[in-house]
Amino acid sequence: MQLITVKMSDIYVSALDKLVELGMYPSRSEAIRVAIRDLLMKELWVDGMPMTKEIDIKVEQ
């Protein structure tokens, strides 16, 4: 897993903290990972499969 830095407004950070406080996610990082996963599923994947014919995504480990 790679470490990235993200800047966001205080309101978003507070909202993330509230989700963690409510026990919906174990950490801010996990909430952000889930949000990004959901965005990618919505925007880039069809029926659970990457749209590799339309976009080339390279995953480096």
C-alpha atoms as a PDB file:
ATOM      1  CA  MET A   1       0.000   0.000   0.000  1.00  0.00           C
ATOM      2  CA  GLN A   2       1.328   3.431  -0.900  1.00  0.00           C
ATOM      3  CA  LEU A   3       1.178   6.490   1.319  1.00  0.00           C
ATOM      4  CA  ILE A   4      -0.327   9.616  -0.244  1.00  0.00           C
ATOM      5  CA  THR A   5      -1.009  13.060   1.197  1.00  0.00           C
ATOM      6  CA  VAL A   6      -4.371  14.718   0.669  1.00  0.00           C
ATOM      7  CA  LYS A   7      -5.396  18.236   1.639  1.00  0.00           C
ATOM      8  CA  MET A   8      -9.060  18.795   2.434  1.00  0.00           C
ATOM      9  CA  SER A   9     -11.200  21.422   4.080  1.00  0.00           C
ATOM     10  CA  ASP A  10     -11.829  21.376   7.815  1.00  0.00           C
ATOM     11  CA  ILE A  11     -15.494  20.506   7.292  1.00  0.00           C
ATOM     12  CA  TYR A  12     -14.555  17.271   5.501  1.00  0.00           C
ATOM     13  CA  VAL A  13     -12.044  16.350   8.193  1.00  0.00           C
ATOM     14  CA  SER A  14     -14.662  16.988  10.882  1.00  0.00           C
ATOM     15  CA  ALA A  15     -17.171  14.850   9.006  1.00  0.00           C
ATOM     16  CA  LEU A  16     -14.625  12.025   8.723  1.00  0.00           C
ATOM     17  CA  ASP A  17     -13.928  12.293  12.446  1.00  0.00           C
ATOM     18  CA  LYS A  18     -17.668  12.025  13.133  1.00  0.00           C
ATOM     19  CA  LEU A  19     -17.910   8.829  11.067  1.00  0.00           C
ATOM     20  CA  VAL A  20     -15.029   7.353  13.062  1.00  0.00           C
ATOM     21  CA  GLU A  21     -16.534   8.540  16.364  1.00  0.00           C
ATOM     22  CA  LEU A  22     -19.842   6.851  15.457  1.00  0.00           C
ATOM     23  CA  GLY A  23     -17.975   3.612  14.812  1.00  0.00           C
ATOM     24  CA  MET A  24     -18.820   3.497  11.125  1.00  0.00           C
ATOM     25  CA  TYR A  25     -15.126   3.259  10.215  1.00  0.00           C
ATOM     26  CA  PRO A  26     -12.078   2.376  12.305  1.00  0.00           C
ATOM     27  CA  SER A  27     -10.082   5.364  11.013  1.00  0.00           C
ATOM     28  CA  ARG A  28     -10.104   8.337   8.668  1.00  0.00           C
ATOM     29  CA  SER A  29      -7.875   6.384   6.309  1.00  0.00           C
ATOM     30  CA  GLU A  30     -10.344   3.515   6.047  1.00  0.00           C
ATOM     31  CA  ALA A  31     -13.242   5.885   5.391  1.00  0.00           C
ATOM     32  CA  ILE A  32     -11.252   7.568   2.616  1.00  0.00           C
ATOM     33  CA  ARG A  33     -10.241   4.185   1.126  1.00  0.00           C
ATOM     34  CA  VAL A  34     -13.893   3.106   1.022  1.00  0.00           C
ATOM     35  CA  ALA A  35     -14.941   6.403  -0.573  1.00  0.00           C
ATOM     36  CA  ILE A  36     -12.248   6.128  -3.249  1.00  0.00           C
ATOM     37  CA  ARG A  37     -13.100   2.485  -3.914  1.00  0.00           C
ATOM     38  CA  ASP A  38     -16.773   3.399  -4.349  1.00  0.00           C
ATOM     39  CA  LEU A  39     -15.877   6.281  -6.679  1.00  0.00           C
ATOM     40  CA  LEU A  40     -13.677   4.039  -8.821  1.00  0.00           C
ATOM     41  CA  MET A  41     -16.343   1.335  -8.952  1.00  0.00           C
ATOM     42  CA  LYS A  42     -18.863   3.934 -10.102  1.00  0.00           C
ATOM     43  CA  GLU A  43     -16.627   5.687 -12.616  1.00  0.00           C
ATOM     44  CA  LEU A  44     -14.305   2.999 -13.990  1.00  0.00           C
ATOM     45  CA  TRP A  45     -15.744  -0.454 -13.418  1.00  0.00           C
ATOM     46  CA  VAL A  46     -18.684  -2.208 -15.051  1.00  0.00           C
ATOM     47  CA  ASP A  47     -20.186  -5.328 -13.475  1.00  0.00           C
ATOM     48  CA  GLY A  48     -17.217  -5.557 -11.112  1.00  0.00           C
ATOM     49  CA  MET A  49     -14.671  -5.697 -13.928  1.00  0.00           C
ATOM     50  CA  PRO A  50     -12.269  -2.904 -14.894  1.00  0.00           C
ATOM     51  CA  MET A  51     -13.019  -1.237 -18.212  1.00  0.00           C
ATOM     52  CA  THR A  52      -9.525  -2.055 -19.459  1.00  0.00           C
ATOM     53  CA  LYS A  53     -10.452  -1.536 -23.105  1.00  0.00           C
ATOM     54  CA  GLU A  54     -11.386   2.070 -22.411  1.00  0.00           C
ATOM     55  CA  ILE A  55      -8.745   3.010 -19.850  1.00  0.00           C
ATOM     56  CA  ASP A  56      -5.335   1.593 -19.032  1.00  0.00           C
ATOM     57  CA  ILE A  57      -4.690   1.539 -15.287  1.00  0.00           C
ATOM     58  CA  LYS A  58      -1.275   0.386 -14.148  1.00  0.00           C
ATOM     59  CA  VAL A  59      -1.071  -0.909 -10.596  1.00  0.00           C
ATOM     60  CA  GLU A  60       2.401  -0.987  -9.099  1.00  0.00           C
ATOM     61  CA  GLN A  61       3.076  -2.900  -5.908  1.00  0.00           C
END
